């Protein structure tokens, strides 16, 4: 689905990532760890072609990103759901409208029954008419996940989705990600929370990757 081959990325005159090789197979679950500034967010942006590699090759669904035009990138992104670290919404629009924006942009209409099921799934069924500023941090993160999956993507990429949540809310969000994985979705989560990783590994065979010294490594048994 997503494959890196000897990928490098330079930023501000210095190399942030070097010789990165990675394959996200269908139905796999990966965690991405590493210290702040190591390049976790950058790697995720490379995964959905927000950034292009300065060396090496990235293929998205068997297409080399260097050969894609803007429309082709947009089409491939419909097969991906992204949960950004800051999970921004349009504050003047109710939650239901915010969640259906990806479908509207792609020219599709979200079915009312599907939207209800999605709100029930993330535990926000009573907040459909609420404005984003009225939501708590945990509710915003669950809403961001709902928005990311409304198009039923093949891949879900999440950047520090539990960074501002307490442990109970973190586990609740993890449960939703695990459920998606059990439905066959490919999941990649960037996080610094080792307890979250340990909780996931008790439920699914998650693979843990670590960025260290610009390179991607398979984390050891210490996790």
C-alpha atoms as a PDB file:
ATOM      1  CA  UNK A   1       0.000   0.000   0.000  1.00  0.00           C
ATOM      2  CA  UNK A   2       2.707   2.461   1.053  1.00  0.00           C
ATOM      3  CA  UNK A   3       6.348   1.658   0.425  1.00  0.00           C
ATOM      4  CA  UNK A   4       9.568   3.619   1.011  1.00  0.00           C
ATOM      5  CA  UNK A   5      12.801   2.613  -0.701  1.00  0.00           C
ATOM      6  CA  UNK A   6      15.994   4.299   0.550  1.00  0.00           C
ATOM      7  CA  UNK A   7      14.098   7.517   1.132  1.00  0.00           C
ATOM      8  CA  UNK A   8      15.770  10.695   2.358  1.00  0.00           C
ATOM      9  CA  UNK A   9      14.283  14.056   3.190  1.00  0.00           C
ATOM     10  CA  UNK A  10      16.214  17.268   3.699  1.00  0.00           C
ATOM     11  CA  UNK A  11      14.862  20.318   5.453  1.00  0.00           C
ATOM     12  CA  UNK A  12      16.498  23.696   5.915  1.00  0.00           C
ATOM     13  CA  UNK A  13      19.745  22.529   4.385  1.00  0.00           C
ATOM     14  CA  UNK A  14      20.105  19.494   6.656  1.00  0.00           C
ATOM     15  CA  UNK A  15      19.020  15.899   6.213  1.00  0.00           C
ATOM     16  CA  UNK A  16      16.180  14.954   8.549  1.00  0.00           C
ATOM     17  CA  UNK A  17      15.580  11.399   7.297  1.00  0.00           C
ATOM     18  CA  UNK A  18      18.078   9.138   5.554  1.00  0.00           C
ATOM     19  CA  UNK A  19      17.937   5.694   3.898  1.00  0.00           C
ATOM     20  CA  UNK A  20      14.409   4.980   5.110  1.00  0.00           C
ATOM     21  CA  UNK A  21      12.885   1.766   3.812  1.00  0.00           C
ATOM     22  CA  UNK A  22       9.416   0.776   4.924  1.00  0.00           C
ATOM     23  CA  UNK A  23       6.419  -1.199   3.722  1.00  0.00           C
ATOM     24  CA  UNK A  24       2.938  -0.778   5.155  1.00  0.00           C
ATOM     25  CA  UNK A  25       1.156  -3.970   4.154  1.00  0.00           C
ATOM     26  CA  UNK A  26      -2.649  -4.208   3.935  1.00  0.00           C
ATOM     27  CA  UNK A  27      -4.158  -4.780   7.377  1.00  0.00           C
ATOM     28  CA  UNK A  28      -0.968  -4.040   9.307  1.00  0.00           C
ATOM     29  CA  UNK A  29      -0.664  -1.874  12.423  1.00  0.00           C
ATOM     30  CA  UNK A  30       2.474   0.190  12.971  1.00  0.00           C
ATOM     31  CA  UNK A  31       3.581   2.591  15.676  1.00  0.00           C
ATOM     32  CA  UNK A  32       6.190   5.223  14.905  1.00  0.00           C
ATOM     33  CA  UNK A  33       8.276   6.489  17.825  1.00  0.00           C
ATOM     34  CA  UNK A  34      11.228   8.752  18.371  1.00  0.00           C
ATOM     35  CA  UNK A  35      12.146  11.950  20.212  1.00  0.00           C
ATOM     36  CA  UNK A  36      10.571  15.291  19.370  1.00  0.00           C
ATOM     37  CA  UNK A  37      12.063  16.668  16.182  1.00  0.00           C
ATOM     38  CA  UNK A  38      13.220  13.261  14.964  1.00  0.00           C
ATOM     39  CA  UNK A  39      10.977  13.390  11.898  1.00  0.00           C
ATOM     40  CA  UNK A  40       7.816  11.486  12.832  1.00  0.00           C
ATOM     41  CA  UNK A  41       5.444  14.101  11.417  1.00  0.00           C
ATOM     42  CA  UNK A  42       7.649  14.470   8.350  1.00  0.00           C
ATOM     43  CA  UNK A  43       7.492  10.732   7.669  1.00  0.00           C
ATOM     44  CA  UNK A  44       3.693  10.806   7.921  1.00  0.00           C
ATOM     45  CA  UNK A  45       3.555  13.737   5.482  1.00  0.00           C
ATOM     46  CA  UNK A  46       5.688  11.729   3.078  1.00  0.00           C
ATOM     47  CA  UNK A  47       3.155   8.895   3.423  1.00  0.00           C
ATOM     48  CA  UNK A  48       0.335  11.022   2.020  1.00  0.00           C
ATOM     49  CA  UNK A  49       2.456  13.051  -0.407  1.00  0.00           C
ATOM     50  CA  UNK A  50       2.217  16.326   1.461  1.00  0.00           C
ATOM     51  CA  UNK A  51       6.015  16.236   1.104  1.00  0.00           C
ATOM     52  CA  UNK A  52       8.097  14.572  -1.585  1.00  0.00           C
ATOM     53  CA  UNK A  53      11.374  12.737  -0.867  1.00  0.00           C
ATOM     54  CA  UNK A  54      14.618  14.429  -1.780  1.00  0.00           C
ATOM     55  CA  UNK A  55      16.098  10.999  -2.549  1.00  0.00           C
ATOM     56  CA  UNK A  56      14.773   7.469  -2.978  1.00  0.00           C
ATOM     57  CA  UNK A  57      11.314   6.315  -4.008  1.00  0.00           C
ATOM     58  CA  UNK A  58       7.881   6.276  -2.379  1.00  0.00           C
ATOM     59  CA  UNK A  59       4.991   4.362  -3.890  1.00  0.00           C
ATOM     60  CA  UNK A  60       1.381   4.878  -2.842  1.00  0.00           C
ATOM     61  CA  UNK A  61      -0.902   2.074  -3.951  1.00  0.00           C
ATOM     62  CA  UNK A  62       1.739   1.026  -6.523  1.00  0.00           C
ATOM     63  CA  UNK A  63       2.136   4.562  -7.916  1.00  0.00           C
ATOM     64  CA  UNK A  64       5.453   6.423  -7.631  1.00  0.00           C
ATOM     65  CA  UNK A  65       4.761   9.799  -6.028  1.00  0.00           C
ATOM     66  CA  UNK A  66       7.191  11.583  -8.342  1.00  0.00           C
ATOM     67  CA  UNK A  67       5.000  10.696 -11.319  1.00  0.00           C
ATOM     68  CA  UNK A  68       1.745  12.011  -9.856  1.00  0.00           C
ATOM     69  CA  UNK A  69       0.089  15.311 -10.657  1.00  0.00           C
ATOM     70  CA  UNK A  70      -2.073  17.214  -8.176  1.00  0.00           C
ATOM     71  CA  UNK A  71      -5.335  15.551  -9.242  1.00  0.00           C
ATOM     72  CA  UNK A  72      -3.826  12.076  -9.022  1.00  0.00           C
ATOM     73  CA  UNK A  73      -2.510  12.811  -5.524  1.00  0.00           C
ATOM     74  CA  UNK A  74      -5.987  14.004  -4.517  1.00  0.00           C
ATOM     75  CA  UNK A  75      -7.532  10.781  -5.822  1.00  0.00           C
ATOM     76  CA  UNK A  76      -5.067   8.618  -3.908  1.00  0.00           C
ATOM     77  CA  UNK A  77      -5.657  10.595  -0.719  1.00  0.00           C
ATOM     78  CA  UNK A  78      -9.296   9.538  -0.833  1.00  0.00           C
ATOM     79  CA  UNK A  79      -8.000   6.117   0.134  1.00  0.00           C
ATOM     80  CA  UNK A  80      -6.277   7.580   3.208  1.00  0.00           C
ATOM     81  CA  UNK A  81      -7.584   9.061   6.430  1.00  0.00           C
ATOM     82  CA  UNK A  82      -5.313  11.447   8.301  1.00  0.00           C
ATOM     83  CA  UNK A  83      -5.655  12.495  11.941  1.00  0.00           C
ATOM     84  CA  UNK A  84      -3.525  15.596  12.350  1.00  0.00           C
ATOM     85  CA  UNK A  85      -1.881  16.528  15.616  1.00  0.00           C
ATOM     86  CA  UNK A  86      -3.790  19.798  15.921  1.00  0.00           C
ATOM     87  CA  UNK A  87      -7.137  18.370  14.577  1.00  0.00           C
ATOM     88  CA  UNK A  88      -8.493  21.688  13.314  1.00  0.00           C
ATOM     89  CA  UNK A  89     -12.161  22.179  12.462  1.00  0.00           C
ATOM     90  CA  UNK A  90     -14.286  24.956  11.014  1.00  0.00           C
ATOM     91  CA  UNK A  91     -15.501  26.437  14.282  1.00  0.00           C
ATOM     92  CA  UNK A  92     -18.624  28.096  12.841  1.00  0.00           C
ATOM     93  CA  UNK A  93     -20.012  24.824  11.469  1.00  0.00           C
ATOM     94  CA  UNK A  94     -21.667  22.049  13.525  1.00  0.00           C
ATOM     95  CA  UNK A  95     -19.824  18.802  14.078  1.00  0.00           C
ATOM     96  CA  UNK A  96     -21.882  16.829  11.541  1.00  0.00           C
ATOM     97  CA  UNK A  97     -21.008  19.316   8.790  1.00  0.00           C
ATOM     98  CA  UNK A  98     -17.329  19.191   9.716  1.00  0.00           C
ATOM     99  CA  UNK A  99     -17.349  15.391   9.543  1.00  0.00           C
ATOM    100  CA  UNK A 100     -18.941  15.296   6.107  1.00  0.00           C
ATOM    101  CA  UNK A 101     -16.574  17.835   4.533  1.00  0.00           C
ATOM    102  CA  UNK A 102     -14.213  15.168   3.081  1.00  0.00           C
ATOM    103  CA  UNK A 103     -17.158  13.536   1.311  1.00  0.00           C
ATOM    104  CA  UNK A 104     -18.441  16.905   0.066  1.00  0.00           C
ATOM    105  CA  UNK A 105     -15.024  17.888  -1.296  1.00  0.00           C
ATOM    106  CA  UNK A 106     -14.824  14.605  -3.203  1.00  0.00           C
ATOM    107  CA  UNK A 107     -18.291  15.102  -4.698  1.00  0.00           C
ATOM    108  CA  UNK A 108     -19.931  12.395  -2.624  1.00  0.00           C
ATOM    109  CA  UNK A 109     -22.798  12.668  -0.191  1.00  0.00           C
ATOM    110  CA  UNK A 110     -22.567  11.027   3.198  1.00  0.00           C
ATOM    111  CA  UNK A 111     -25.668   8.997   3.967  1.00  0.00           C
ATOM    112  CA  UNK A 112     -27.519  10.085   7.106  1.00  0.00           C
ATOM    113  CA  UNK A 113     -27.551   6.530   8.438  1.00  0.00           C
ATOM    114  CA  UNK A 114     -23.822   6.171   7.888  1.00  0.00           C
ATOM    115  CA  UNK A 115     -23.168   9.462   9.670  1.00  0.00           C
ATOM    116  CA  UNK A 116     -25.303   8.374  12.615  1.00  0.00           C
ATOM    117  CA  UNK A 117     -23.430   5.078  12.830  1.00  0.00           C
ATOM    118  CA  UNK A 118     -20.115   6.923  12.717  1.00  0.00           C
ATOM    119  CA  UNK A 119     -21.128   9.304  15.511  1.00  0.00           C
ATOM    120  CA  UNK A 120     -22.320   6.353  17.592  1.00  0.00           C
ATOM    121  CA  UNK A 121     -19.041   4.544  16.962  1.00  0.00           C
ATOM    122  CA  UNK A 122     -16.934   7.403  18.329  1.00  0.00           C
ATOM    123  CA  UNK A 123     -19.381   8.100  21.162  1.00  0.00           C
ATOM    124  CA  UNK A 124     -20.479  11.534  19.921  1.00  0.00           C
ATOM    125  CA  UNK A 125     -24.052  10.834  18.870  1.00  0.00           C
ATOM    126  CA  UNK A 126     -25.439  13.543  21.162  1.00  0.00           C
ATOM    127  CA  UNK A 127     -23.008  16.193  19.938  1.00  0.00           C
ATOM    128  CA  UNK A 128     -23.793  16.246  16.232  1.00  0.00           C
ATOM    129  CA  UNK A 129     -25.147  19.798  16.401  1.00  0.00           C
ATOM    130  CA  UNK A 130     -22.369  21.089  18.674  1.00  0.00           C
ATOM    131  CA  UNK A 131     -19.783  23.557  17.425  1.00  0.00           C
ATOM    132  CA  UNK A 132     -16.124  22.451  17.644  1.00  0.00           C
ATOM    133  CA  UNK A 133     -15.214  24.993  20.413  1.00  0.00           C
ATOM    134  CA  UNK A 134     -17.811  23.287  22.617  1.00  0.00           C
ATOM    135  CA  UNK A 135     -16.005  19.940  22.457  1.00  0.00           C
ATOM    136  CA  UNK A 136     -13.468  18.707  24.991  1.00  0.00           C
ATOM    137  CA  UNK A 137      -9.997  17.590  23.911  1.00  0.00           C
ATOM    138  CA  UNK A 138     -10.997  13.933  23.889  1.00  0.00           C
ATOM    139  CA  UNK A 139     -14.163  14.650  21.932  1.00  0.00           C
ATOM    140  CA  UNK A 140     -12.201  16.645  19.348  1.00  0.00           C
ATOM    141  CA  UNK A 141      -9.744  13.790  18.853  1.00  0.00           C
ATOM    142  CA  UNK A 142     -12.535  11.261  18.426  1.00  0.00           C
ATOM    143  CA  UNK A 143     -14.258  13.639  16.007  1.00  0.00           C
ATOM    144  CA  UNK A 144     -10.991  13.957  14.064  1.00  0.00           C
ATOM    145  CA  UNK A 145     -10.821  10.173  13.777  1.00  0.00           C
ATOM    146  CA  UNK A 146     -14.440  10.045  12.602  1.00  0.00           C
ATOM    147  CA  UNK A 147     -13.716  12.653   9.937  1.00  0.00           C
ATOM    148  CA  UNK A 148     -10.649  10.682   8.830  1.00  0.00           C
ATOM    149  CA  UNK A 149     -12.604   7.464   8.272  1.00  0.00           C
ATOM    150  CA  UNK A 150     -15.880   8.801   6.847  1.00  0.00           C
ATOM    151  CA  UNK A 151     -14.697   7.911   3.326  1.00  0.00           C
ATOM    152  CA  UNK A 152     -13.850   4.365   4.475  1.00  0.00           C
ATOM    153  CA  UNK A 153     -10.123   4.692   3.705  1.00  0.00           C
ATOM    154  CA  UNK A 154      -7.746   1.780   3.289  1.00  0.00           C
ATOM    155  CA  UNK A 155      -5.061   3.485   5.406  1.00  0.00           C
ATOM    156  CA  UNK A 156      -5.338   5.608   8.563  1.00  0.00           C
ATOM    157  CA  UNK A 157      -2.386   7.831   9.519  1.00  0.00           C
ATOM    158  CA  UNK A 158      -2.501   9.447  12.971  1.00  0.00           C
ATOM    159  CA  UNK A 159       0.012  11.987  14.271  1.00  0.00           C
ATOM    160  CA  UNK A 160       0.216  11.966  18.107  1.00  0.00           C
ATOM    161  CA  UNK A 161      -3.564  11.422  18.378  1.00  0.00           C
ATOM    162  CA  UNK A 162      -3.430  11.003  22.189  1.00  0.00           C
ATOM    163  CA  UNK A 163      -0.831  13.683  22.905  1.00  0.00           C
ATOM    164  CA  UNK A 164      -3.222  15.934  24.852  1.00  0.00           C
ATOM    165  CA  UNK A 165      -5.501  13.266  26.319  1.00  0.00           C
ATOM    166  CA  UNK A 166      -5.637  11.612  29.722  1.00  0.00           C
ATOM    167  CA  UNK A 167      -5.039   7.870  29.948  1.00  0.00           C
ATOM    168  CA  UNK A 168      -8.716   6.893  29.908  1.00  0.00           C
ATOM    169  CA  UNK A 169      -9.373   8.904  26.754  1.00  0.00           C
ATOM    170  CA  UNK A 170      -6.153   7.604  25.186  1.00  0.00           C
ATOM    171  CA  UNK A 171      -7.316   4.030  25.678  1.00  0.00           C
ATOM    172  CA  UNK A 172     -10.715   4.868  24.225  1.00  0.00           C
ATOM    173  CA  UNK A 173      -9.109   6.268  21.089  1.00  0.00           C
ATOM    174  CA  UNK A 174      -6.778   3.271  20.891  1.00  0.00           C
ATOM    175  CA  UNK A 175      -9.797   0.950  21.018  1.00  0.00           C
ATOM    176  CA  UNK A 176     -11.244   2.710  17.968  1.00  0.00           C
ATOM    177  CA  UNK A 177      -7.950   2.355  16.070  1.00  0.00           C
ATOM    178  CA  UNK A 178      -7.720  -1.335  16.972  1.00  0.00           C
ATOM    179  CA  UNK A 179     -11.302  -1.855  15.780  1.00  0.00           C
ATOM    180  CA  UNK A 180     -10.407  -0.240  12.452  1.00  0.00           C
ATOM    181  CA  UNK A 181      -7.400  -2.508  12.125  1.00  0.00           C
ATOM    182  CA  UNK A 182      -9.522  -5.583  12.823  1.00  0.00           C
ATOM    183  CA  UNK A 183     -11.777  -4.413   9.969  1.00  0.00           C
ATOM    184  CA  UNK A 184      -8.750  -4.694   7.663  1.00  0.00           C
ATOM    185  CA  UNK A 185      -7.526  -1.094   7.709  1.00  0.00           C
ATOM    186  CA  UNK A 186      -3.810  -0.336   7.671  1.00  0.00           C
ATOM    187  CA  UNK A 187      -2.876   1.864  10.640  1.00  0.00           C
ATOM    188  CA  UNK A 188       0.220   3.989  11.288  1.00  0.00           C
ATOM    189  CA  UNK A 189       0.322   5.963  14.549  1.00  0.00           C
ATOM    190  CA  UNK A 190       3.101   8.367  15.481  1.00  0.00           C
ATOM    191  CA  UNK A 191       3.377   8.565  19.268  1.00  0.00           C
ATOM    192  CA  UNK A 192       5.818   9.045  22.114  1.00  0.00           C
ATOM    193  CA  UNK A 193       3.537   7.187  24.560  1.00  0.00           C
ATOM    194  CA  UNK A 194       5.151   3.810  25.246  1.00  0.00           C
ATOM    195  CA  UNK A 195       2.298   2.810  27.574  1.00  0.00           C
ATOM    196  CA  UNK A 196      -0.125   3.221  24.682  1.00  0.00           C
ATOM    197  CA  UNK A 197       2.065   0.968  22.536  1.00  0.00           C
ATOM    198  CA  UNK A 198       2.210  -1.688  25.269  1.00  0.00           C
ATOM    199  CA  UNK A 199      -1.591  -1.582  25.618  1.00  0.00           C
ATOM    200  CA  UNK A 200      -1.999  -2.063  21.872  1.00  0.00           C
ATOM    201  CA  UNK A 201       0.430  -4.963  21.702  1.00  0.00           C
ATOM    202  CA  UNK A 202      -1.726  -6.834  24.214  1.00  0.00           C
ATOM    203  CA  UNK A 203      -4.548  -6.764  21.653  1.00  0.00           C
ATOM    204  CA  UNK A 204      -2.941  -6.906  18.208  1.00  0.00           C
ATOM    205  CA  UNK A 205       0.441  -7.780  16.653  1.00  0.00           C
ATOM    206  CA  UNK A 206       1.514  -4.164  16.258  1.00  0.00           C
ATOM    207  CA  UNK A 207       4.943  -3.452  14.807  1.00  0.00           C
ATOM    208  CA  UNK A 208       6.956  -0.684  16.454  1.00  0.00           C
ATOM    209  CA  UNK A 209       9.318   1.515  14.458  1.00  0.00           C
ATOM    210  CA  UNK A 210      11.701   4.101  15.862  1.00  0.00           C
ATOM    211  CA  UNK A 211      13.403   7.037  14.191  1.00  0.00           C
ATOM    212  CA  UNK A 212      16.914   7.498  15.550  1.00  0.00           C
ATOM    213  CA  UNK A 213      19.835   9.382  14.015  1.00  0.00           C
ATOM    214  CA  UNK A 214      17.810  10.074  10.851  1.00  0.00           C
ATOM    215  CA  UNK A 215      17.149   6.379  10.221  1.00  0.00           C
ATOM    216  CA  UNK A 216      14.162   4.114  10.754  1.00  0.00           C
ATOM    217  CA  UNK A 217      14.742   1.115  12.990  1.00  0.00           C
ATOM    218  CA  UNK A 218      12.622  -1.775  14.241  1.00  0.00           C
ATOM    219  CA  UNK A 219      12.179  -1.233  17.975  1.00  0.00           C
ATOM    220  CA  UNK A 220      13.343  -4.007  20.255  1.00  0.00           C
ATOM    221  CA  UNK A 221      11.688  -6.106  22.933  1.00  0.00           C
ATOM    222  CA  UNK A 222      12.007  -3.269  25.487  1.00  0.00           C
ATOM    223  CA  UNK A 223       8.597  -2.122  24.298  1.00  0.00           C
END
